[in-house]
């Protein structure tokens, strides 16, 4: 057995998936809402016996490796290493890397080298003296916090990092460019970050995927922050600053506090508020919310109190509500940002964190202060800005609560507000393109074919069912070749074996049919009162399926007859009519008139 198979044997897929998705036992399988597409009815099935999973909604499926690769968006070599560690297997084999995976690993390695370099410059060399003073004195960041986050400094020399990586670490210049650590300028390769305090950015698994660089001079005419450009491993809309170190606190508190900047998160961390992360952008993205939902069901927005912060809060809300998470807001005094509020009075900041407010209360309060409730125009402005947010709320009780609260606040009846909300919803132009996978619609006959094979392979003794229905569908014209082949292979298997096990049958089954077999093995089937009821259902499905097959053949022949009738080809018409006769006789035998 090779190591890939050995690891797969030692990993329990149910335990693995339950670390990410809550599973519920249903019969011999486990079910859940699919983590890969939105759904309200569970169609994600996990088999402890087969150690496989499949979603019957989006059609994704596989084993422990494919789940981890799909869920964590990683390549096979990284999934292999993670599962090997979980299984207690020391990897010795080589050659697992794909080209993309190898490039990702190279970028992770280069980023780790760069982080060490920047940190060393900040903490050990004269070139980092001013930056260290800035962090210690101006930003009040403690030395131990600098160590915790491995903060660094990129010198102004132009190519210090590039030279270090090429000469000391023997890294190729093209790899440095691909990692986003350098850029080309007048034909030369220069450091991407220069003269900035450096914040390493980790994914939630601890890999350094990029960096954020901040200027120290608040009056400088350049961007305050710049981030690593998009690479194979860094995508701004899918990452947070601080999640790798805060995810356990987020789980423990069942709440993630969202802030705007790295310094906000660091200041909160120093005051013992550790369940915080910073967004890399102006608002939360769907990908970020999906990531956070793995760790908590509650989001607290602690963004800057200025108008930009309020706009970011509004843009984030639609995405959060779509995921069904509870959203609150942390209101800081005098509209300050978290870092400034902590420096002014950490006790007041902590009280604000402990007394977060439902986000809709905050929005309504802002609007009531912004517009007059004594004029028709003021009431209209409040309704125009507040009602679209209420349409995001999926819980009707909460929606009703805020409709009544708004009604009381501006003295307009709830019925009128509801009509206006519906009008605004119709008027709203959806600007964000949402990808909805389209699956090929199947005929009733194709669905029944899968159901029949599923009933057979999931029965405690498929040999019994096969004996019952084999003659009933001997000449049935299957639409799905793979299902016909599974049926045929079952018959061949029982010609040489008397006892059935999925393991033995899969060893017998051609490899190209395993995926189809797995789908049938995981398909949800009804719970029957007893074996007799189960057998009767199988016989009924087999008979109905056979009748549908006969009717399909007859429709095809009839269509051909009509075609030859147009061509006045009587000979062909007679031949086809003769083919119809035995099909009609078979229908009559099955009790169909």
Protein backbone atom coordinates (compact mmCIF):
# COMPACT_ATOMS: atom_id res chain seq x y z
CA UNK A 1 0.00 0.00 0.00
CA UNK A 2 1.43 3.41 -0.97
CA UNK A 3 1.37 6.32 1.45
CA UNK A 4 -1.56 8.07 -0.23
CA UNK A 5 -3.71 4.98 0.31
CA UNK A 6 -2.29 4.39 3.80
CA UNK A 7 -3.26 7.90 4.91
CA UNK A 8 -6.70 7.53 3.37
CA UNK A 9 -7.20 4.28 5.30
CA UNK A 10 -6.26 5.92 8.61
CA UNK A 11 -8.38 9.07 8.21
CA UNK A 12 -12.03 8.83 9.27
CA UNK A 13 -13.86 11.00 6.74
CA UNK A 14 -16.80 11.68 9.06
CA UNK A 15 -14.52 13.04 11.80
CA UNK A 16 -12.58 15.06 9.23
CA UNK A 17 -15.62 16.70 7.62
CA UNK A 18 -17.27 17.34 11.00
CA UNK A 19 -14.38 19.67 11.81
CA UNK A 20 -15.75 21.95 9.08
CA UNK A 21 -19.42 21.03 8.56
CA UNK A 22 -22.00 19.87 11.17
CA UNK A 23 -23.16 16.40 10.09
CA UNK A 24 -26.36 14.65 11.12
CA UNK A 25 -26.73 10.86 11.18
CA UNK A 26 -29.41 9.62 8.81
CA UNK A 27 -29.58 5.87 8.38
CA UNK A 28 -26.23 4.47 7.38
CA UNK A 29 -25.01 7.86 6.13
CA UNK A 30 -24.48 11.40 7.45
CA UNK A 31 -26.06 14.48 5.86
CA UNK A 32 -25.61 18.25 5.92
CA UNK A 33 -26.26 21.40 3.94
CA UNK A 34 -23.60 21.51 1.26
CA UNK A 35 -20.69 23.84 2.11
CA UNK A 36 -19.97 24.41 -1.58
CA UNK A 37 -23.29 25.92 -2.68
CA UNK A 38 -26.25 27.56 -0.97
CA UNK A 39 -29.14 25.27 -0.08
CA UNK A 40 -31.83 24.89 2.58
CA UNK A 41 -32.47 21.16 2.18
CA UNK A 42 -29.45 18.93 2.93
CA UNK A 43 -28.10 17.17 -0.16
CA UNK A 44 -24.52 16.67 1.07
CA UNK A 45 -24.02 13.00 2.03
CA UNK A 46 -21.06 11.30 3.74
CA UNK A 47 -20.60 7.53 3.90
CA UNK A 48 -18.52 6.20 6.84
CA UNK A 49 -18.47 2.75 5.24
CA UNK A 50 -17.21 3.89 1.85
CA UNK A 51 -15.26 6.88 3.28
CA UNK A 52 -16.64 9.12 0.54
CA UNK A 53 -18.84 12.21 0.21
CA UNK A 54 -21.11 13.60 -2.48
CA UNK A 55 -23.45 16.54 -2.93
CA UNK A 56 -26.50 15.72 -5.03
CA UNK A 57 -27.09 19.45 -5.57
CA UNK A 58 -23.81 20.71 -7.05
CA UNK A 59 -22.62 17.17 -7.95
CA UNK A 60 -19.25 17.54 -6.26
CA UNK A 61 -17.89 14.52 -4.42
CA UNK A 62 -14.86 12.42 -3.58
CA UNK A 63 -12.76 11.29 -0.63
CA UNK A 64 -10.90 12.95 2.25
CA UNK A 65 -8.31 14.45 -0.09
CA UNK A 66 -10.83 15.98 -2.48
CA UNK A 67 -12.90 17.41 0.38
CA UNK A 68 -9.92 19.15 1.93
CA UNK A 69 -8.73 20.42 -1.45
CA UNK A 70 -12.18 21.76 -2.32
CA UNK A 71 -13.00 23.23 1.10
CA UNK A 72 -9.60 24.78 1.83
CA UNK A 73 -8.78 25.55 -1.82
CA UNK A 74 -5.46 23.78 -1.66
CA UNK A 75 -3.51 21.59 -4.02
CA UNK A 76 -3.10 17.84 -3.51
CA UNK A 77 0.42 17.95 -2.01
CA UNK A 78 -0.71 20.32 0.75
CA UNK A 79 -3.81 18.22 1.46
CA UNK A 80 -1.58 15.16 1.56
CA UNK A 81 0.75 16.75 4.12
CA UNK A 82 -2.10 17.92 6.34
CA UNK A 83 -3.83 14.52 6.31
CA UNK A 84 -0.51 12.74 6.85
CA UNK A 85 0.01 14.81 9.99
CA UNK A 86 -3.51 14.00 11.20
CA UNK A 87 -2.96 10.31 10.50
CA UNK A 88 0.48 10.24 12.13
CA UNK A 89 2.19 9.16 8.92
CA UNK A 90 5.72 10.38 8.12
CA UNK A 91 5.83 11.17 4.42
CA UNK A 92 8.80 9.71 2.57
CA UNK A 93 7.53 9.52 -1.00
CA UNK A 94 8.34 12.20 -3.53
CA UNK A 95 6.74 13.29 -6.76
CA UNK A 96 3.37 14.34 -5.39
CA UNK A 97 3.72 17.98 -6.43
CA UNK A 98 1.78 19.37 -9.35
CA UNK A 99 3.15 22.43 -11.09
CA UNK A 100 0.63 24.80 -9.46
CA UNK A 101 1.18 23.26 -6.03
CA UNK A 102 4.94 23.50 -6.40
CA UNK A 103 4.63 27.20 -7.29
CA UNK A 104 2.42 27.85 -4.29
CA UNK A 105 4.88 26.12 -1.98
CA UNK A 106 7.67 28.23 -3.47
CA UNK A 107 5.73 31.43 -2.76
CA UNK A 108 5.00 30.34 0.82
CA UNK A 109 8.71 29.66 1.31
CA UNK A 110 9.78 33.00 -0.19
CA UNK A 111 7.24 34.88 1.92
CA UNK A 112 8.61 33.18 5.03
CA UNK A 113 12.14 34.26 4.07
CA UNK A 114 10.90 37.80 3.41
CA UNK A 115 9.09 37.96 6.76
CA UNK A 116 12.27 36.90 8.58
CA UNK A 117 14.23 39.54 6.64
CA UNK A 118 11.80 42.39 7.36
CA UNK A 119 11.54 41.41 11.04
CA UNK A 120 15.33 41.25 11.40
CA UNK A 121 15.70 44.71 9.82
CA UNK A 122 13.12 46.16 12.24
CA UNK A 123 14.38 44.59 15.44
CA UNK A 124 18.13 44.14 14.95
CA UNK A 125 19.58 46.65 12.47
CA UNK A 126 20.05 50.44 12.52
CA UNK A 127 17.99 50.68 9.32
CA UNK A 128 14.91 49.73 11.32
CA UNK A 129 15.56 52.06 14.27
CA UNK A 130 13.11 54.79 13.22
CA UNK A 131 10.40 52.27 12.35
CA UNK A 132 10.83 50.52 15.71
CA UNK A 133 10.56 53.87 17.50
CA UNK A 134 7.42 54.66 15.49
CA UNK A 135 5.80 51.37 16.51
CA UNK A 136 6.88 51.54 20.16
CA UNK A 137 6.25 55.23 20.84
CA UNK A 138 3.78 56.58 18.28
CA UNK A 139 1.64 53.45 17.98
CA UNK A 140 2.31 52.11 21.50
CA UNK A 141 2.97 48.59 20.28
CA UNK A 142 4.81 46.49 22.84
CA UNK A 143 7.96 44.53 21.92
CA UNK A 144 6.24 41.20 22.67
CA UNK A 145 3.39 42.16 20.33
CA UNK A 146 5.91 42.93 17.59
CA UNK A 147 7.25 39.41 18.11
CA UNK A 148 3.75 37.87 18.14
CA UNK A 149 2.80 39.39 14.77
CA UNK A 150 6.37 39.29 13.40
CA UNK A 151 6.15 42.90 12.29
CA UNK A 152 8.97 44.15 10.10
CA UNK A 153 10.38 47.04 8.12
CA UNK A 154 11.23 47.29 4.43
CA UNK A 155 14.26 49.61 3.98
CA UNK A 156 14.43 52.33 1.35
CA UNK A 157 17.56 50.89 -0.28
CA UNK A 158 15.60 49.70 -3.34
CA UNK A 159 16.63 46.07 -3.68
CA UNK A 160 17.80 44.90 -0.24
CA UNK A 161 15.29 42.04 -0.10
CA UNK A 162 15.95 41.01 -3.70
CA UNK A 163 19.69 40.84 -3.07
CA UNK A 164 19.18 38.88 0.15
CA UNK A 165 16.94 36.31 -1.52
CA UNK A 166 19.19 35.88 -4.57
CA UNK A 167 22.58 35.86 -2.83
CA UNK A 168 21.79 34.33 0.56
CA UNK A 169 18.86 32.06 -0.25
CA UNK A 170 19.76 31.25 -3.88
CA UNK A 171 16.28 32.18 -5.12
CA UNK A 172 15.62 32.82 -8.81
CA UNK A 173 14.59 36.35 -9.72
CA UNK A 174 11.54 35.11 -11.64
CA UNK A 175 10.27 33.37 -8.48
CA UNK A 176 10.71 36.59 -6.48
CA UNK A 177 8.66 38.46 -9.08
CA UNK A 178 5.97 35.76 -9.14
CA UNK A 179 5.66 35.96 -5.34
CA UNK A 180 4.92 39.67 -5.60
CA UNK A 181 7.97 40.60 -3.51
CA UNK A 182 9.58 42.61 -6.29
CA UNK A 183 8.74 44.51 -9.45
CA UNK A 184 10.67 45.67 -12.48
CA UNK A 185 11.77 49.31 -12.83
CA UNK A 186 13.81 50.58 -15.76
CA UNK A 187 14.94 47.05 -16.50
CA UNK A 188 15.96 46.33 -12.90
CA UNK A 189 14.31 44.16 -10.26
CA UNK A 190 13.50 46.24 -7.18
CA UNK A 191 11.77 45.53 -3.88
CA UNK A 192 8.00 45.95 -4.01
CA UNK A 193 7.87 47.32 -0.44
CA UNK A 194 10.21 50.20 0.40
CA UNK A 195 10.30 52.48 3.46
CA UNK A 196 7.23 50.90 5.05
CA UNK A 197 6.34 49.04 8.24
CA UNK A 198 5.50 45.49 7.20
CA UNK A 199 2.58 43.37 8.44
CA UNK A 200 2.79 39.71 7.36
CA UNK A 201 -0.55 38.34 6.14
CA UNK A 202 -1.35 34.71 6.96
CA UNK A 203 -4.11 32.44 5.79
CA UNK A 204 -6.10 30.66 8.51
CA UNK A 205 -3.72 27.69 8.28
CA UNK A 206 -0.69 29.86 9.14
CA UNK A 207 0.95 30.15 5.70
CA UNK A 208 2.33 33.62 4.96
CA UNK A 209 0.50 34.56 1.76
CA UNK A 210 1.55 38.21 1.41
CA UNK A 211 2.25 41.48 3.19
CA UNK A 212 0.73 44.85 3.94
CA UNK A 213 3.04 47.86 4.07
CA UNK A 214 2.21 51.09 5.95
CA UNK A 215 3.91 54.45 5.68
CA UNK A 216 5.04 56.16 8.90
CA UNK A 217 4.63 59.76 7.74
CA UNK A 218 0.94 60.66 7.96
CA UNK A 219 1.52 63.68 5.71
CA UNK A 220 3.19 61.77 2.89
CA UNK A 221 1.47 62.11 -0.49
CA UNK A 222 1.21 58.42 -1.15
CA UNK A 223 -1.11 55.55 -0.23
CA UNK A 224 -1.16 54.89 3.51
CA UNK A 225 -1.24 51.13 2.90
CA UNK A 226 -0.17 49.00 -0.03
CA UNK A 227 -0.68 45.25 -0.20
CA UNK A 228 1.00 42.43 -2.06
CA UNK A 229 -0.37 42.31 -5.57
CA UNK A 230 -2.55 39.34 -6.54
CA UNK A 231 -0.55 36.10 -6.72
CA UNK A 232 -1.27 32.39 -6.78
CA UNK A 233 -1.73 32.47 -2.99
CA UNK A 234 -2.82 36.04 -2.22
CA UNK A 235 -6.27 37.35 -3.13
CA UNK A 236 -7.27 40.48 -1.23
CA UNK A 237 -10.97 39.65 -1.10
CA UNK A 238 -10.45 36.28 0.55
CA UNK A 239 -8.08 37.05 3.43
CA UNK A 240 -8.10 38.75 6.84
CA UNK A 241 -5.26 40.13 8.88
CA UNK A 242 -5.01 38.24 12.16
CA UNK A 243 -7.34 35.29 11.54
CA UNK A 244 -4.63 32.68 12.04
CA UNK A 245 -3.98 33.95 15.59
CA UNK A 246 -7.58 34.87 16.48
CA UNK A 247 -9.61 31.93 15.14
CA UNK A 248 -9.52 30.01 18.44
CA UNK A 249 -10.72 33.09 20.36
CA UNK A 250 -13.44 33.57 17.71
CA UNK A 251 -14.60 29.99 18.23
CA UNK A 252 -14.50 30.34 22.03
CA UNK A 253 -16.49 33.60 22.02
CA UNK A 254 -18.65 32.59 19.04
CA UNK A 255 -18.09 36.06 17.69
CA UNK A 256 -15.72 37.69 15.23
CA UNK A 257 -15.04 41.40 15.59
CA UNK A 258 -14.33 42.98 12.20
CA UNK A 259 -12.02 46.00 12.06
CA UNK A 260 -10.56 48.00 9.18
CA UNK A 261 -6.82 48.10 9.85
CA UNK A 262 -3.96 46.01 11.13
CA UNK A 263 -3.16 48.55 13.87
CA UNK A 264 -6.76 48.35 15.12
CA UNK A 265 -6.44 44.57 15.55
CA UNK A 266 -3.04 44.85 17.22
CA UNK A 267 -4.23 47.54 19.66
CA UNK A 268 -7.26 45.41 20.59
CA UNK A 269 -5.04 42.36 21.04
CA UNK A 270 -2.85 44.24 23.52
CA UNK A 271 -5.97 45.06 25.56
CA UNK A 272 -7.02 41.41 25.68
CA UNK A 273 -9.67 41.60 22.94
CA UNK A 274 -8.32 38.76 20.82
CA UNK A 275 -11.28 37.66 18.65
CA UNK A 276 -10.59 40.36 16.07
CA UNK A 277 -9.63 40.43 12.39
CA UNK A 278 -9.06 43.20 9.85
CA UNK A 279 -10.55 43.21 6.35
CA UNK A 280 -8.25 43.77 3.41
CA UNK A 281 -10.46 46.16 1.46
CA UNK A 282 -13.36 48.53 1.97
CA UNK A 283 -16.03 45.96 2.84
CA UNK A 284 -16.49 42.27 3.54
CA UNK A 285 -16.66 39.97 0.53
CA UNK A 286 -18.75 36.83 0.21
CA UNK A 287 -15.60 34.72 0.31
CA UNK A 288 -14.48 36.34 3.57
CA UNK A 289 -17.89 35.82 5.18
CA UNK A 290 -17.92 32.17 4.10
CA UNK A 291 -14.50 31.76 5.72
CA UNK A 292 -15.61 33.37 8.99
CA UNK A 293 -18.77 31.26 9.10
CA UNK A 294 -16.57 28.22 9.72
CA UNK A 295 -15.66 29.64 13.12
CA UNK A 296 -18.71 31.62 14.29
CA UNK A 297 -22.33 32.52 13.69
CA UNK A 298 -21.96 36.09 15.01
CA UNK A 299 -20.25 39.10 13.43
CA UNK A 300 -19.60 42.38 15.24
CA UNK A 301 -18.64 45.29 12.97
CA UNK A 302 -16.17 47.65 14.66
CA UNK A 303 -15.32 49.93 11.77
CA UNK A 304 -14.29 53.57 11.74
CA UNK A 305 -17.04 55.92 12.87
CA UNK A 306 -16.69 58.25 9.86
CA UNK A 307 -18.91 58.18 6.79
CA UNK A 308 -16.52 55.80 5.00
CA UNK A 309 -16.79 53.35 7.89
CA UNK A 310 -20.57 53.57 7.80
CA UNK A 311 -20.59 52.89 4.06
CA UNK A 312 -18.31 49.88 4.56
CA UNK A 313 -20.74 48.62 7.21
CA UNK A 314 -23.67 48.96 4.81
CA UNK A 315 -21.88 47.16 1.99
CA UNK A 316 -20.84 44.34 4.32
CA UNK A 317 -24.32 43.77 5.70
CA UNK A 318 -25.88 42.31 2.54
CA UNK A 319 -23.16 39.67 2.30
CA UNK A 320 -23.38 38.76 6.00
CA UNK A 321 -27.18 38.44 5.92
CA UNK A 322 -26.97 36.23 2.85
CA UNK A 323 -24.97 33.75 4.91
CA UNK A 324 -27.50 33.94 7.76
CA UNK A 325 -25.09 35.27 10.39
CA UNK A 326 -26.17 37.56 13.23
CA UNK A 327 -24.72 41.05 12.86
CA UNK A 328 -24.08 43.68 15.52
CA UNK A 329 -22.13 46.94 15.59
CA UNK A 330 -19.65 48.25 18.14
CA UNK A 331 -20.19 52.00 18.46
CA UNK A 332 -17.08 53.86 19.60
CA UNK A 333 -17.24 57.31 21.21
CA UNK A 334 -16.81 60.43 19.07
CA UNK A 335 -16.62 58.41 15.84
CA UNK A 336 -13.07 57.28 16.53
CA UNK A 337 -11.37 54.29 14.95
CA UNK A 338 -10.60 51.35 17.32
CA UNK A 339 -6.88 52.14 17.62
CA UNK A 340 -7.55 55.77 18.57
CA UNK A 341 -10.37 54.80 20.95
CA UNK A 342 -8.11 52.35 22.77
CA UNK A 343 -5.35 54.92 23.16
CA UNK A 344 -7.85 57.47 24.49
CA UNK A 345 -9.58 55.16 26.99
CA UNK A 346 -9.24 51.37 26.80
CA UNK A 347 -11.90 50.88 29.49
CA UNK A 348 -14.54 52.68 27.43
CA UNK A 349 -13.46 50.69 24.37
CA UNK A 350 -13.91 47.38 26.20
CA UNK A 351 -17.35 48.45 27.45
CA UNK A 352 -18.36 49.26 23.87
CA UNK A 353 -17.18 45.80 22.77
CA UNK A 354 -19.17 44.14 25.56
CA UNK A 355 -22.31 46.13 24.71
CA UNK A 356 -22.46 45.76 20.95
CA UNK A 357 -25.77 46.83 19.40
CA UNK A 358 -27.91 45.16 16.70
CA UNK A 359 -26.65 46.72 13.48
CA UNK A 360 -30.12 47.80 12.31
CA UNK A 361 -30.61 49.83 15.50
CA UNK A 362 -27.35 51.62 14.73
CA UNK A 363 -28.34 52.40 11.13
CA UNK A 364 -31.75 53.68 12.14
CA UNK A 365 -30.25 55.88 14.83
CA UNK A 366 -27.80 57.37 12.30
CA UNK A 367 -30.61 58.15 9.86
CA UNK A 368 -32.88 59.67 12.50
CA UNK A 369 -30.07 62.07 13.39
CA UNK A 370 -29.26 62.78 9.75
CA UNK A 371 -32.79 63.61 8.52
CA UNK A 372 -35.81 65.38 10.01
CA UNK A 373 -38.79 63.21 10.96
CA UNK A 374 -41.05 66.26 10.81
CA UNK A 375 -40.99 66.66 7.04
CA UNK A 376 -42.24 64.46 4.23
CA UNK A 377 -38.86 64.62 2.48
CA UNK A 378 -37.02 63.65 5.66
CA UNK A 379 -39.29 60.63 6.16
CA UNK A 380 -38.79 59.65 2.52
CA UNK A 381 -35.00 59.86 2.85
CA UNK A 382 -35.03 57.69 5.97
CA UNK A 383 -37.26 55.11 4.28
CA UNK A 384 -35.22 55.10 1.06
CA UNK A 385 -32.01 54.39 2.97
CA UNK A 386 -33.30 52.06 5.68
CA UNK A 387 -35.88 49.88 3.91
CA UNK A 388 -33.38 48.24 1.51
CA UNK A 389 -31.48 46.93 4.54
CA UNK A 390 -34.63 45.38 5.97
CA UNK A 391 -35.09 43.44 2.73
CA UNK A 392 -31.81 41.62 3.51
CA UNK A 393 -33.28 40.13 6.69
CA UNK A 394 -34.40 36.54 6.16
CA UNK A 395 -36.06 36.13 9.58
CA UNK A 396 -39.59 37.51 9.27
CA UNK A 397 -39.94 38.17 13.01
CA UNK A 398 -36.86 40.42 13.05
CA UNK A 399 -37.98 42.11 9.84
CA UNK A 400 -41.42 42.80 11.36
CA UNK A 401 -39.77 44.21 14.50
CA UNK A 402 -37.81 46.80 12.55
CA UNK A 403 -40.70 47.68 10.28
CA UNK A 404 -42.74 48.55 13.37
CA UNK A 405 -39.82 50.41 14.93
CA UNK A 406 -39.37 52.46 11.76
CA UNK A 407 -43.13 53.02 11.59
CA UNK A 408 -43.16 54.43 15.12
CA UNK A 409 -40.02 56.54 14.55
CA UNK A 410 -41.28 58.38 11.45
CA UNK A 411 -45.05 58.03 12.04
CA UNK A 412 -45.82 56.06 8.89
CA UNK A 413 -47.97 52.90 8.97
CA UNK A 414 -46.22 49.47 8.69
CA UNK A 415 -48.44 48.60 5.70
CA UNK A 416 -47.22 51.63 3.74
CA UNK A 417 -43.61 50.84 4.64
CA UNK A 418 -44.02 47.24 3.53
CA UNK A 419 -45.42 48.34 0.16
CA UNK A 420 -42.56 50.81 -0.27
CA UNK A 421 -39.99 48.12 0.63
CA UNK A 422 -41.46 45.79 -2.00
CA UNK A 423 -41.35 48.62 -4.57
CA UNK A 424 -37.72 49.35 -3.79
CA UNK A 425 -36.87 45.65 -4.06
CA UNK A 426 -38.36 45.48 -7.57
CA UNK A 427 -36.56 48.65 -8.56
CA UNK A 428 -33.20 47.55 -7.21
CA UNK A 429 -30.64 46.67 -9.87
CA UNK A 430 -28.49 43.75 -8.92
CA UNK A 431 -24.95 44.73 -9.85
CA UNK A 432 -23.08 41.78 -8.42
CA UNK A 433 -23.00 38.86 -10.78
CA UNK A 434 -23.69 35.62 -8.96
CA UNK A 435 -22.61 32.35 -10.48
CA UNK A 436 -25.28 29.70 -10.22
CA UNK A 437 -24.22 26.31 -11.54
CA UNK A 438 -26.61 24.86 -14.07
CA UNK A 439 -27.06 21.15 -14.07
CA UNK A 440 -28.40 19.23 -17.01
CA UNK A 441 -32.02 18.34 -16.44
CA UNK A 442 -32.67 14.62 -16.44
CA UNK A 443 -35.74 12.81 -17.66
CA UNK A 444 -38.00 10.90 -15.28
CA UNK A 445 -36.66 7.68 -16.75
CA UNK A 446 -33.01 8.61 -16.03
CA UNK A 447 -33.91 9.49 -12.43
CA UNK A 448 -35.73 6.17 -12.02
CA UNK A 449 -32.76 4.26 -13.42
CA UNK A 450 -30.52 5.78 -10.75
CA UNK A 451 -33.16 5.14 -8.07
CA UNK A 452 -33.51 1.48 -9.06
CA UNK A 453 -29.77 0.81 -8.99
CA UNK A 454 -29.53 2.72 -5.69
CA UNK A 455 -32.23 0.53 -4.15
CA UNK A 456 -30.37 -2.58 -5.27
CA UNK A 457 -26.84 -1.64 -4.15
CA UNK A 458 -28.02 -0.27 -0.79
CA UNK A 459 -30.01 -3.41 0.11
CA UNK A 460 -28.51 -5.73 2.69
CA UNK A 461 -28.41 -8.56 0.14
CA UNK A 462 -28.52 -7.25 -3.45
CA UNK A 463 -28.54 -10.84 -4.76
CA UNK A 464 -32.12 -11.26 -3.53
CA UNK A 465 -33.33 -8.15 -5.34
CA UNK A 466 -31.47 -9.04 -8.49
CA UNK A 467 -33.21 -12.41 -8.61
CA UNK A 468 -36.58 -10.69 -8.16
CA UNK A 469 -36.26 -8.15 -10.97
CA UNK A 470 -33.70 -9.58 -13.40
CA UNK A 471 -36.32 -11.03 -15.73
CA UNK A 472 -38.51 -7.94 -15.38
CA UNK A 473 -35.98 -5.67 -17.12
CA UNK A 474 -33.98 -8.11 -19.23
CA UNK A 475 -34.42 -6.17 -22.48
CA UNK A 476 -34.95 -2.73 -20.98
CA UNK A 477 -33.15 -0.09 -23.15
CA UNK A 478 -31.08 1.80 -20.57
CA UNK A 479 -30.51 5.53 -21.10
CA UNK A 480 -27.53 5.73 -18.73
CA UNK A 481 -24.78 3.31 -19.88
CA UNK A 482 -22.84 3.43 -16.59
CA UNK A 483 -25.91 2.31 -14.61
CA UNK A 484 -26.58 -0.51 -17.06
CA UNK A 485 -22.97 -1.64 -16.66
CA UNK A 486 -23.25 -1.59 -12.85
CA UNK A 487 -26.38 -3.72 -13.13
CA UNK A 488 -24.62 -6.13 -15.50
CA UNK A 489 -21.56 -6.34 -13.25
CA UNK A 490 -23.74 -7.14 -10.25
CA UNK A 491 -25.13 -10.09 -12.19
CA UNK A 492 -21.61 -11.21 -13.15
CA UNK A 493 -20.40 -10.77 -9.58
CA UNK A 494 -23.14 -13.03 -8.17
CA UNK A 495 -22.39 -15.65 -10.82
CA UNK A 496 -19.15 -16.30 -8.91
CA UNK A 497 -19.91 -15.00 -5.39
CA UNK A 498 -22.75 -15.67 -2.95
CA UNK A 499 -21.98 -13.04 -0.31
CA UNK A 500 -21.96 -9.32 -1.09
CA UNK A 501 -19.76 -6.59 0.34
CA UNK A 502 -19.13 -3.18 -1.17
CA UNK A 503 -15.39 -3.68 -0.81
CA UNK A 504 -15.43 -6.99 -2.71
CA UNK A 505 -17.74 -5.66 -5.40
CA UNK A 506 -15.67 -2.50 -5.92
CA UNK A 507 -12.58 -4.66 -6.38
CA UNK A 508 -14.54 -6.50 -9.09
CA UNK A 509 -16.11 -3.40 -10.68
CA UNK A 510 -14.20 -1.62 -13.48
CA UNK A 511 -12.60 1.57 -12.15
CA UNK A 512 -14.46 3.85 -14.54
CA UNK A 513 -17.78 2.80 -12.96
CA UNK A 514 -16.80 3.49 -9.33
CA UNK A 515 -17.96 7.12 -9.38
CA UNK A 516 -21.41 6.13 -10.64
CA UNK A 517 -21.60 3.35 -8.05
CA UNK A 518 -20.69 5.81 -5.27
CA UNK A 519 -23.47 8.16 -6.37
CA UNK A 520 -26.01 5.32 -6.18
CA UNK A 521 -24.61 4.13 -2.86
CA UNK A 522 -25.03 7.61 -1.33
CA UNK A 523 -28.39 8.53 -2.89
CA UNK A 524 -31.08 9.08 -0.25
CA UNK A 525 -33.81 6.42 -0.39
CA UNK A 526 -36.99 6.11 1.72
CA UNK A 527 -37.07 4.22 5.01
CA UNK A 528 -39.17 1.06 4.54
CA UNK A 529 -41.14 -0.68 7.28
CA UNK A 530 -39.74 -4.09 6.47
CA UNK A 531 -37.92 -6.11 3.82
CA UNK A 532 -41.15 -7.03 2.07
CA UNK A 533 -42.04 -3.36 1.58
CA UNK A 534 -38.50 -2.74 0.27
CA UNK A 535 -38.76 -5.60 -2.25
CA UNK A 536 -42.21 -4.46 -3.39
CA UNK A 537 -40.85 -0.96 -4.04
CA UNK A 538 -37.99 -2.38 -6.12
CA UNK A 539 -40.38 -4.51 -8.18
CA UNK A 540 -42.71 -1.56 -8.74
CA UNK A 541 -39.87 0.71 -9.85
CA UNK A 542 -38.50 -1.99 -12.17
CA UNK A 543 -41.93 -2.50 -13.75
CA UNK A 544 -42.60 1.25 -14.13
CA UNK A 545 -39.17 1.73 -15.60
CA UNK A 546 -39.68 -1.06 -18.10
CA UNK A 547 -43.02 0.44 -19.18
CA UNK A 548 -41.40 3.85 -19.65
CA UNK A 549 -38.71 2.21 -21.77
CA UNK A 550 -41.33 0.53 -23.98
CA UNK A 551 -43.20 3.81 -24.44
CA UNK A 552 -39.96 5.57 -25.31
CA UNK A 553 -39.23 2.97 -28.00
CA UNK A 554 -42.77 3.24 -29.35
CA UNK A 555 -42.56 7.05 -29.51
CA UNK A 556 -39.34 6.81 -31.46
CA UNK A 557 -40.81 4.31 -33.94
CA UNK A 558 -43.99 6.39 -34.32
CA UNK A 559 -41.94 9.48 -35.11
CA UNK A 560 -40.07 7.51 -37.79
CA UNK A 561 -43.37 6.27 -39.26
CA UNK A 562 -44.62 9.86 -39.55
CA UNK A 563 -41.39 10.83 -41.28
CA UNK A 564 -41.65 8.00 -43.83
CA UNK A 565 -45.34 8.83 -44.29
CA UNK A 566 -44.30 12.30 -45.47
CA UNK A 567 -41.86 10.65 -47.86
CA UNK A 568 -44.55 8.15 -49.03
CA UNK A 569 -42.20 5.27 -48.20
CA UNK A 570 -44.75 2.52 -47.52
CA UNK A 571 -42.19 -0.26 -47.27
CA UNK A 572 -40.35 1.41 -44.41
CA UNK A 573 -43.67 2.26 -42.75
CA UNK A 574 -44.75 -1.40 -42.84
CA UNK A 575 -41.45 -2.55 -41.32
CA UNK A 576 -41.77 -0.09 -38.48
CA UNK A 577 -45.41 -0.94 -37.83
CA UNK A 578 -44.39 -4.58 -37.48
CA UNK A 579 -41.82 -3.50 -34.86
CA UNK A 580 -44.59 -1.78 -32.88
CA UNK A 581 -46.68 -4.94 -32.50
CA UNK A 582 -44.44 -6.88 -30.05
CA UNK A 583 -43.92 -3.69 -28.01
CA UNK A 584 -47.68 -3.24 -27.68
CA UNK A 585 -48.02 -6.89 -26.60
CA UNK A 586 -45.41 -6.35 -23.89
CA UNK A 587 -47.28 -3.31 -22.62
CA UNK A 588 -50.50 -5.31 -22.40
CA UNK A 589 -48.70 -8.05 -20.43
CA UNK A 590 -47.55 -5.37 -17.96
CA UNK A 591 -51.17 -4.33 -17.48
CA UNK A 592 -50.95 -1.15 -19.54
CA UNK A 593 -53.86 -0.42 -21.88
